[in-house]
Amino acid sequence: MRLVNVGYGNVVVADRVVAVVGPAAAPVRRMREEARKRGKLVDATQGRKTRSVIVIDSDHVILSAVQAETISARLGGGEAEDGP
């Protein structure tokens, strides 16, 4: 089981990640609100600005303060940049 850092000491299981997207698009905002209503929204931003949204196979939606490109690089195997 490989864990991926999504910022500020929070990690997700890499094999369960379905998508990593930016938070600005309207469909992503709707998905986020639907997850909140269903009780499947996890806020891993530690009070910071949401910079990416991670969807996992259990239908949970995870908010992260790390850029989607950085998380994508981490999922690919290497750390893209140092950071939270």
PDB file of N, CA and C in Angstrom:
ATOM      1  N   MET A   1       0.852  -1.172   0.000  1.00  0.00           N
ATOM      2  CA  MET A   1       0.000   0.000   0.000  1.00  0.00           C
ATOM      3  C   MET A   1       0.901   1.239   0.000  1.00  0.00           C
ATOM      4  N   ARG A   2       0.751   2.074  -1.028  1.00  0.00           N
ATOM      5  CA  ARG A   2       1.548   3.286  -1.147  1.00  0.00           C
ATOM      6  C   ARG A   2       0.702   4.494  -0.763  1.00  0.00           C
ATOM      7  N   LEU A   3       1.224   5.306   0.144  1.00  0.00           N
ATOM      8  CA  LEU A   3       0.537   6.511   0.588  1.00  0.00           C
ATOM      9  C   LEU A   3       1.125   7.728  -0.123  1.00  0.00           C
ATOM     10  N   VAL A   4       0.258   8.691  -0.438  1.00  0.00           N
ATOM     11  CA  VAL A   4       0.683   9.910  -1.115  1.00  0.00           C
ATOM     12  C   VAL A   4       0.325  11.102  -0.233  1.00  0.00           C
ATOM     13  N   ASN A   5       1.303  11.967  -0.010  1.00  0.00           N
ATOM     14  CA  ASN A   5       1.108  13.163   0.799  1.00  0.00           C
ATOM     15  C   ASN A   5       0.255  14.159   0.014  1.00  0.00           C
ATOM     16  N   VAL A   6      -0.862  14.594   0.603  1.00  0.00           N
ATOM     17  CA  VAL A   6      -1.726  15.591  -0.034  1.00  0.00           C
ATOM     18  C   VAL A   6      -1.652  16.924   0.704  1.00  0.00           C
ATOM     19  N   GLY A   7      -0.638  17.061   1.558  1.00  0.00           N
ATOM     20  CA  GLY A   7      -0.388  18.336   2.220  1.00  0.00           C
ATOM     21  C   GLY A   7      -0.624  18.316   3.710  1.00  0.00           C
ATOM     22  N   TYR A   8       0.273  18.980   4.441  1.00  0.00           N
ATOM     23  CA  TYR A   8       0.143  19.214   5.874  1.00  0.00           C
ATOM     24  C   TYR A   8      -0.037  17.931   6.670  1.00  0.00           C
ATOM     25  N   GLY A   9       0.698  16.883   6.286  1.00  0.00           N
ATOM     26  CA  GLY A   9       0.677  15.633   7.028  1.00  0.00           C
ATOM     27  C   GLY A   9      -0.485  14.722   6.695  1.00  0.00           C
ATOM     28  N   ASN A  10      -1.304  15.082   5.728  1.00  0.00           N
ATOM     29  CA  ASN A  10      -2.433  14.254   5.311  1.00  0.00           C
ATOM     30  C   ASN A  10      -2.010  13.382   4.138  1.00  0.00           C
ATOM     31  N   VAL A  11      -2.449  12.128   4.147  1.00  0.00           N
ATOM     32  CA  VAL A  11      -2.084  11.197   3.088  1.00  0.00           C
ATOM     33  C   VAL A  11      -3.318  10.440   2.602  1.00  0.00           C
ATOM     34  N   VAL A  12      -3.252   9.968   1.358  1.00  0.00           N
ATOM     35  CA  VAL A  12      -4.286   9.090   0.807  1.00  0.00           C
ATOM     36  C   VAL A  12      -3.595   7.868   0.217  1.00  0.00           C
ATOM     37  N   VAL A  13      -4.341   6.790   0.081  1.00  0.00           N
ATOM     38  CA  VAL A  13      -3.814   5.570  -0.525  1.00  0.00           C
ATOM     39  C   VAL A  13      -3.794   5.783  -2.035  1.00  0.00           C
ATOM     40  N   ALA A  14      -2.637   5.683  -2.646  1.00  0.00           N
ATOM     41  CA  ALA A  14      -2.451   5.994  -4.064  1.00  0.00           C
ATOM     42  C   ALA A  14      -3.335   5.139  -4.972  1.00  0.00           C
ATOM     43  N   ASP A  15      -3.506   3.877  -4.657  1.00  0.00           N
ATOM     44  CA  ASP A  15      -4.279   2.973  -5.509  1.00  0.00           C
ATOM     45  C   ASP A  15      -5.767   3.296  -5.539  1.00  0.00           C
ATOM     46  N   ARG A  16      -6.244   4.096  -4.595  1.00  0.00           N
ATOM     47  CA  ARG A  16      -7.665   4.411  -4.523  1.00  0.00           C
ATOM     48  C   ARG A  16      -8.024   5.718  -5.217  1.00  0.00           C
ATOM     49  N   VAL A  17      -7.032   6.472  -5.663  1.00  0.00           N
ATOM     50  CA  VAL A  17      -7.289   7.760  -6.304  1.00  0.00           C
ATOM     51  C   VAL A  17      -7.824   7.537  -7.718  1.00  0.00           C
ATOM     52  N   VAL A  18      -8.963   8.169  -8.006  1.00  0.00           N
ATOM     53  CA  VAL A  18      -9.580   8.087  -9.325  1.00  0.00           C
ATOM     54  C   VAL A  18      -9.217   9.317 -10.147  1.00  0.00           C
ATOM     55  N   ALA A  19      -9.247  10.507  -9.508  1.00  0.00           N
ATOM     56  CA  ALA A  19      -8.966  11.743 -10.235  1.00  0.00           C
ATOM     57  C   ALA A  19      -8.432  12.804  -9.292  1.00  0.00           C
ATOM     58  N   VAL A  20      -7.597  13.687  -9.851  1.00  0.00           N
ATOM     59  CA  VAL A  20      -7.115  14.867  -9.141  1.00  0.00           C
ATOM     60  C   VAL A  20      -7.393  16.042 -10.070  1.00  0.00           C
ATOM     61  N   VAL A  21      -8.253  16.963  -9.630  1.00  0.00           N
ATOM     62  CA  VAL A  21      -8.683  18.063 -10.494  1.00  0.00           C
ATOM     63  C   VAL A  21      -8.582  19.393  -9.758  1.00  0.00           C
ATOM     64  N   GLY A  22      -8.592  20.458 -10.530  1.00  0.00           N
ATOM     65  CA  GLY A  22      -8.618  21.798  -9.965  1.00  0.00           C
ATOM     66  C   GLY A  22     -10.011  22.110  -9.429  1.00  0.00           C
ATOM     67  N   PRO A  23     -10.117  23.029  -8.479  1.00  0.00           N
ATOM     68  CA  PRO A  23     -11.393  23.288  -7.812  1.00  0.00           C
ATOM     69  C   PRO A  23     -12.288  24.313  -8.495  1.00  0.00           C
ATOM     70  N   ALA A  24     -11.845  24.965  -9.562  1.00  0.00           N
ATOM     71  CA  ALA A  24     -12.557  26.126 -10.088  1.00  0.00           C
ATOM     72  C   ALA A  24     -13.744  25.806 -10.994  1.00  0.00           C
ATOM     73  N   ALA A  25     -13.739  24.694 -11.682  1.00  0.00           N
ATOM     74  CA  ALA A  25     -14.793  24.387 -12.651  1.00  0.00           C
ATOM     75  C   ALA A  25     -16.136  24.138 -11.963  1.00  0.00           C
ATOM     76  N   ALA A  26     -17.201  24.548 -12.607  1.00  0.00           N
ATOM     77  CA  ALA A  26     -18.543  24.392 -12.051  1.00  0.00           C
ATOM     78  C   ALA A  26     -18.901  22.932 -11.747  1.00  0.00           C
ATOM     79  N   PRO A  27     -18.574  21.961 -12.627  1.00  0.00           N
ATOM     80  CA  PRO A  27     -18.898  20.573 -12.294  1.00  0.00           C
ATOM     81  C   PRO A  27     -18.179  20.081 -11.038  1.00  0.00           C
ATOM     82  N   VAL A  28     -16.966  20.561 -10.827  1.00  0.00           N
ATOM     83  CA  VAL A  28     -16.209  20.166  -9.636  1.00  0.00           C
ATOM     84  C   VAL A  28     -16.865  20.768  -8.395  1.00  0.00           C
ATOM     85  N   ARG A  29     -17.320  22.011  -8.494  1.00  0.00           N
ATOM     86  CA  ARG A  29     -18.016  22.626  -7.350  1.00  0.00           C
ATOM     87  C   ARG A  29     -19.293  21.879  -7.021  1.00  0.00           C
ATOM     88  N   ARG A  30     -20.034  21.447  -8.065  1.00  0.00           N
ATOM     89  CA  ARG A  30     -21.260  20.674  -7.821  1.00  0.00           C
ATOM     90  C   ARG A  30     -20.935  19.335  -7.165  1.00  0.00           C
ATOM     91  N   MET A  31     -19.884  18.663  -7.652  1.00  0.00           N
ATOM     92  CA  MET A  31     -19.465  17.387  -7.075  1.00  0.00           C
ATOM     93  C   MET A  31     -19.108  17.568  -5.599  1.00  0.00           C
ATOM     94  N   ARG A  32     -18.426  18.661  -5.304  1.00  0.00           N
ATOM     95  CA  ARG A  32     -18.023  18.967  -3.927  1.00  0.00           C
ATOM     96  C   ARG A  32     -19.248  19.157  -3.026  1.00  0.00           C
ATOM     97  N   GLU A  33     -20.241  19.891  -3.508  1.00  0.00           N
ATOM     98  CA  GLU A  33     -21.462  20.123  -2.726  1.00  0.00           C
ATOM     99  C   GLU A  33     -22.257  18.832  -2.526  1.00  0.00           C
ATOM    100  N   GLU A  34     -22.322  18.009  -3.571  1.00  0.00           N
ATOM    101  CA  GLU A  34     -23.015  16.726  -3.444  1.00  0.00           C
ATOM    102  C   GLU A  34     -22.326  15.835  -2.411  1.00  0.00           C
ATOM    103  N   ALA A  35     -21.005  15.822  -2.423  1.00  0.00           N
ATOM    104  CA  ALA A  35     -20.255  15.027  -1.446  1.00  0.00           C
ATOM    105  C   ALA A  35     -20.508  15.546  -0.035  1.00  0.00           C
ATOM    106  N   ARG A  36     -20.591  16.860   0.115  1.00  0.00           N
ATOM    107  CA  ARG A  36     -20.873  17.447   1.431  1.00  0.00           C
ATOM    108  C   ARG A  36     -22.242  16.987   1.935  1.00  0.00           C
ATOM    109  N   LYS A  37     -23.236  17.002   1.052  1.00  0.00           N
ATOM    110  CA  LYS A  37     -24.599  16.576   1.425  1.00  0.00           C
ATOM    111  C   LYS A  37     -24.633  15.105   1.822  1.00  0.00           C
ATOM    112  N   ARG A  38     -23.832  14.272   1.133  1.00  0.00           N
ATOM    113  CA  ARG A  38     -23.806  12.838   1.427  1.00  0.00           C
ATOM    114  C   ARG A  38     -22.901  12.481   2.603  1.00  0.00           C
ATOM    115  N   GLY A  39     -22.172  13.454   3.114  1.00  0.00           N
ATOM    116  CA  GLY A  39     -21.250  13.187   4.214  1.00  0.00           C
ATOM    117  C   GLY A  39     -19.966  12.526   3.755  1.00  0.00           C
ATOM    118  N   LYS A  40     -19.587  12.729   2.499  1.00  0.00           N
ATOM    119  CA  LYS A  40     -18.394  12.093   1.946  1.00  0.00           C
ATOM    120  C   LYS A  40     -17.334  13.110   1.534  1.00  0.00           C
ATOM    121  N   LEU A  41     -17.373  14.297   2.128  1.00  0.00           N
ATOM    122  CA  LEU A  41     -16.383  15.322   1.841  1.00  0.00           C
ATOM    123  C   LEU A  41     -15.359  15.347   2.964  1.00  0.00           C
ATOM    124  N   VAL A  42     -14.076  15.290   2.601  1.00  0.00           N
ATOM    125  CA  VAL A  42     -12.990  15.344   3.572  1.00  0.00           C
ATOM    126  C   VAL A  42     -12.175  16.599   3.275  1.00  0.00           C
ATOM    127  N   ASP A  43     -12.096  17.503   4.242  1.00  0.00           N
ATOM    128  CA  ASP A  43     -11.339  18.744   4.063  1.00  0.00           C
ATOM    129  C   ASP A  43      -9.953  18.558   4.670  1.00  0.00           C
ATOM    130  N   ALA A  44      -8.952  18.419   3.804  1.00  0.00           N
ATOM    131  CA  ALA A  44      -7.571  18.230   4.252  1.00  0.00           C
ATOM    132  C   ALA A  44      -6.745  19.489   4.010  1.00  0.00           C
ATOM    133  N   THR A  45      -7.413  20.654   3.945  1.00  0.00           N
ATOM    134  CA  THR A  45      -6.710  21.897   3.641  1.00  0.00           C
ATOM    135  C   THR A  45      -6.100  22.560   4.864  1.00  0.00           C
ATOM    136  N   GLN A  46      -6.482  22.133   6.049  1.00  0.00           N
ATOM    137  CA  GLN A  46      -5.990  22.735   7.291  1.00  0.00           C
ATOM    138  C   GLN A  46      -6.288  24.237   7.331  1.00  0.00           C
ATOM    139  N   GLY A  47      -7.442  24.637   6.778  1.00  0.00           N
ATOM    140  CA  GLY A  47      -7.862  26.028   6.809  1.00  0.00           C
ATOM    141  C   GLY A  47      -7.284  26.889   5.700  1.00  0.00           C
ATOM    142  N   ARG A  48      -6.546  26.293   4.797  1.00  0.00           N
ATOM    143  CA  ARG A  48      -5.946  27.056   3.703  1.00  0.00           C
ATOM    144  C   ARG A  48      -6.828  26.978   2.456  1.00  0.00           C
ATOM    145  N   LYS A  49      -6.444  27.710   1.424  1.00  0.00           N
ATOM    146  CA  LYS A  49      -7.201  27.736   0.180  1.00  0.00           C
ATOM    147  C   LYS A  49      -7.166  26.371  -0.504  1.00  0.00           C
ATOM    148  N   THR A  50      -8.310  25.927  -1.016  1.00  0.00           N
ATOM    149  CA  THR A  50      -8.382  24.663  -1.743  1.00  0.00           C
ATOM    150  C   THR A  50      -7.755  24.839  -3.112  1.00  0.00           C
ATOM    151  N   ARG A  51      -6.732  24.045  -3.394  1.00  0.00           N
ATOM    152  CA  ARG A  51      -6.036  24.132  -4.684  1.00  0.00           C
ATOM    153  C   ARG A  51      -6.244  22.896  -5.541  1.00  0.00           C
ATOM    154  N   SER A  52      -6.759  21.819  -4.952  1.00  0.00           N
ATOM    155  CA  SER A  52      -7.076  20.631  -5.744  1.00  0.00           C
ATOM    156  C   SER A  52      -8.157  19.819  -5.053  1.00  0.00           C
ATOM    157  N   VAL A  53      -8.851  19.029  -5.861  1.00  0.00           N
ATOM    158  CA  VAL A  53      -9.905  18.146  -5.374  1.00  0.00           C
ATOM    159  C   VAL A  53      -9.545  16.739  -5.814  1.00  0.00           C
ATOM    160  N   ILE A  54      -9.534  15.819  -4.855  1.00  0.00           N
ATOM    161  CA  ILE A  54      -9.150  14.430  -5.123  1.00  0.00           C
ATOM    162  C   ILE A  54     -10.387  13.559  -4.961  1.00  0.00           C
ATOM    163  N   VAL A  55     -10.672  12.756  -5.971  1.00  0.00           N
ATOM    164  CA  VAL A  55     -11.794  11.822  -5.922  1.00  0.00           C
ATOM    165  C   VAL A  55     -11.215  10.429  -5.758  1.00  0.00           C
ATOM    166  N   ILE A  56     -11.746   9.676  -4.781  1.00  0.00           N
ATOM    167  CA  ILE A  56     -11.260   8.307  -4.587  1.00  0.00           C
ATOM    168  C   ILE A  56     -12.376   7.313  -4.877  1.00  0.00           C
ATOM    169  N   ASP A  57     -12.024   6.060  -5.020  1.00  0.00           N
ATOM    170  CA  ASP A  57     -12.964   5.039  -5.482  1.00  0.00           C
ATOM    171  C   ASP A  57     -14.118   4.746  -4.537  1.00  0.00           C
ATOM    172  N   SER A  58     -14.066   5.187  -3.308  1.00  0.00           N
ATOM    173  CA  SER A  58     -15.170   4.991  -2.370  1.00  0.00           C
ATOM    174  C   SER A  58     -16.184   6.131  -2.478  1.00  0.00           C
ATOM    175  N   ASP A  59     -16.032   6.977  -3.491  1.00  0.00           N
ATOM    176  CA  ASP A  59     -16.906   8.115  -3.759  1.00  0.00           C
ATOM    177  C   ASP A  59     -16.691   9.269  -2.783  1.00  0.00           C
ATOM    178  N   HIS A  60     -15.599   9.234  -2.038  1.00  0.00           N
ATOM    179  CA  HIS A  60     -15.242  10.360  -1.173  1.00  0.00           C
ATOM    180  C   HIS A  60     -14.547  11.421  -2.017  1.00  0.00           C
ATOM    181  N   VAL A  61     -14.720  12.669  -1.611  1.00  0.00           N
ATOM    182  CA  VAL A  61     -14.070  13.798  -2.262  1.00  0.00           C
ATOM    183  C   VAL A  61     -13.190  14.462  -1.219  1.00  0.00           C
ATOM    184  N   ILE A  62     -11.903  14.621  -1.541  1.00  0.00           N
ATOM    185  CA  ILE A  62     -10.930  15.169  -0.597  1.00  0.00           C
ATOM    186  C   ILE A  62     -10.439  16.513  -1.121  1.00  0.00           C
ATOM    187  N   LEU A  63     -10.509  17.542  -0.280  1.00  0.00           N
ATOM    188  CA  LEU A  63     -10.003  18.861  -0.637  1.00  0.00           C
ATOM    189  C   LEU A  63      -8.572  18.982  -0.140  1.00  0.00           C
ATOM    190  N   SER A  64      -7.692  19.505  -0.992  1.00  0.00           N
ATOM    191  CA  SER A  64      -6.283  19.649  -0.629  1.00  0.00           C
ATOM    192  C   SER A  64      -5.805  21.061  -0.928  1.00  0.00           C
ATOM    193  N   ALA A  65      -4.840  21.523  -0.144  1.00  0.00           N
ATOM    194  CA  ALA A  65      -4.233  22.841  -0.347  1.00  0.00           C
ATOM    195  C   ALA A  65      -3.007  22.761  -1.240  1.00  0.00           C
ATOM    196  N   VAL A  66      -2.742  21.597  -1.819  1.00  0.00           N
ATOM    197  CA  VAL A  66      -1.598  21.391  -2.711  1.00  0.00           C
ATOM    198  C   VAL A  66      -2.110  21.383  -4.151  1.00  0.00           C
ATOM    199  N   GLN A  67      -1.341  21.960  -5.064  1.00  0.00           N
ATOM    200  CA  GLN A  67      -1.721  22.023  -6.476  1.00  0.00           C
ATOM    201  C   GLN A  67      -1.951  20.626  -7.054  1.00  0.00           C
ATOM    202  N   ALA A  68      -2.921  20.522  -7.967  1.00  0.00           N
ATOM    203  CA  ALA A  68      -3.237  19.244  -8.610  1.00  0.00           C
ATOM    204  C   ALA A  68      -2.024  18.670  -9.329  1.00  0.00           C
ATOM    205  N   GLU A  69      -1.219  19.521  -9.962  1.00  0.00           N
ATOM    206  CA  GLU A  69      -0.035  19.051 -10.689  1.00  0.00           C
ATOM    207  C   GLU A  69       0.974  18.404  -9.745  1.00  0.00           C
ATOM    208  N   THR A  70       1.113  18.967  -8.552  1.00  0.00           N
ATOM    209  CA  THR A  70       2.042  18.424  -7.563  1.00  0.00           C
ATOM    210  C   THR A  70       1.577  17.053  -7.087  1.00  0.00           C
ATOM    211  N   ILE A  71       0.289  16.941  -6.799  1.00  0.00           N
ATOM    212  CA  ILE A  71      -0.244  15.651  -6.348  1.00  0.00           C
ATOM    213  C   ILE A  71      -0.126  14.626  -7.465  1.00  0.00           C
ATOM    214  N   SER A  72      -0.392  15.038  -8.694  1.00  0.00           N
ATOM    215  CA  SER A  72      -0.268  14.133  -9.832  1.00  0.00           C
ATOM    216  C   SER A  72       1.159  13.621  -9.961  1.00  0.00           C
ATOM    217  N   ALA A  73       2.129  14.499  -9.792  1.00  0.00           N
ATOM    218  CA  ALA A  73       3.530  14.082  -9.855  1.00  0.00           C
ATOM    219  C   ALA A  73       3.862  13.112  -8.721  1.00  0.00           C
ATOM    220  N   ARG A  74       3.327  13.363  -7.546  1.00  0.00           N
ATOM    221  CA  ARG A  74       3.560  12.468  -6.409  1.00  0.00           C
ATOM    222  C   ARG A  74       2.945  11.104  -6.673  1.00  0.00           C
ATOM    223  N   LEU A  75       1.780  11.071  -7.298  1.00  0.00           N
ATOM    224  CA  LEU A  75       1.147   9.802  -7.636  1.00  0.00           C
ATOM    225  C   LEU A  75       1.946   9.048  -8.685  1.00  0.00           C
ATOM    226  N   GLY A  76       2.629   9.810  -9.544  1.00  0.00           N
ATOM    227  CA  GLY A  76       3.440   9.206 -10.593  1.00  0.00           C
ATOM    228  C   GLY A  76       4.716   8.572 -10.069  1.00  0.00           C
ATOM    229  N   GLY A  77       5.054   8.835  -8.831  1.00  0.00           N
ATOM    230  CA  GLY A  77       6.220   8.184  -8.246  1.00  0.00           C
ATOM    231  C   GLY A  77       7.210   9.106  -7.618  1.00  0.00           C
ATOM    232  N   GLY A  78       7.390  10.318  -8.164  1.00  0.00           N
ATOM    233  CA  GLY A  78       8.396  11.213  -7.614  1.00  0.00           C
ATOM    234  C   GLY A  78       7.765  12.442  -6.999  1.00  0.00           C
ATOM    235  N   GLU A  79       8.448  13.018  -6.041  1.00  0.00           N
ATOM    236  CA  GLU A  79       7.983  14.259  -5.435  1.00  0.00           C
ATOM    237  C   GLU A  79       8.275  15.402  -6.386  1.00  0.00           C
ATOM    238  N   ALA A  80       7.269  16.199  -6.737  1.00  0.00           N
ATOM    239  CA  ALA A  80       7.440  17.301  -7.675  1.00  0.00           C
ATOM    240  C   ALA A  80       8.142  18.469  -7.028  1.00  0.00           C
ATOM    241  N   GLU A  81       7.724  18.809  -5.841  1.00  0.00           N
ATOM    242  CA  GLU A  81       8.312  19.951  -5.167  1.00  0.00           C
ATOM    243  C   GLU A  81       8.165  19.776  -3.668  1.00  0.00           C
ATOM    244  N   ASP A  82       9.022  20.436  -2.936  1.00  0.00           N
ATOM    245  CA  ASP A  82       8.878  20.428  -1.493  1.00  0.00           C
ATOM    246  C   ASP A  82       7.732  21.340  -1.145  1.00  0.00           C
ATOM    247  N   GLY A  83       7.108  21.085  -0.056  1.00  0.00           N
ATOM    248  CA  GLY A  83       5.994  21.928   0.334  1.00  0.00           C
ATOM    249  C   GLY A  83       5.242  21.304   1.478  1.00  0.00           C
ATOM    250  N   PRO A  84       4.086  21.851   1.705  1.00  0.00           N
ATOM    251  CA  PRO A  84       3.279  21.389   2.838  1.00  0.00           C
ATOM    252  C   PRO A  84       2.964  19.929   2.800  1.00  0.00           C
TER     253      PRO A  84
END
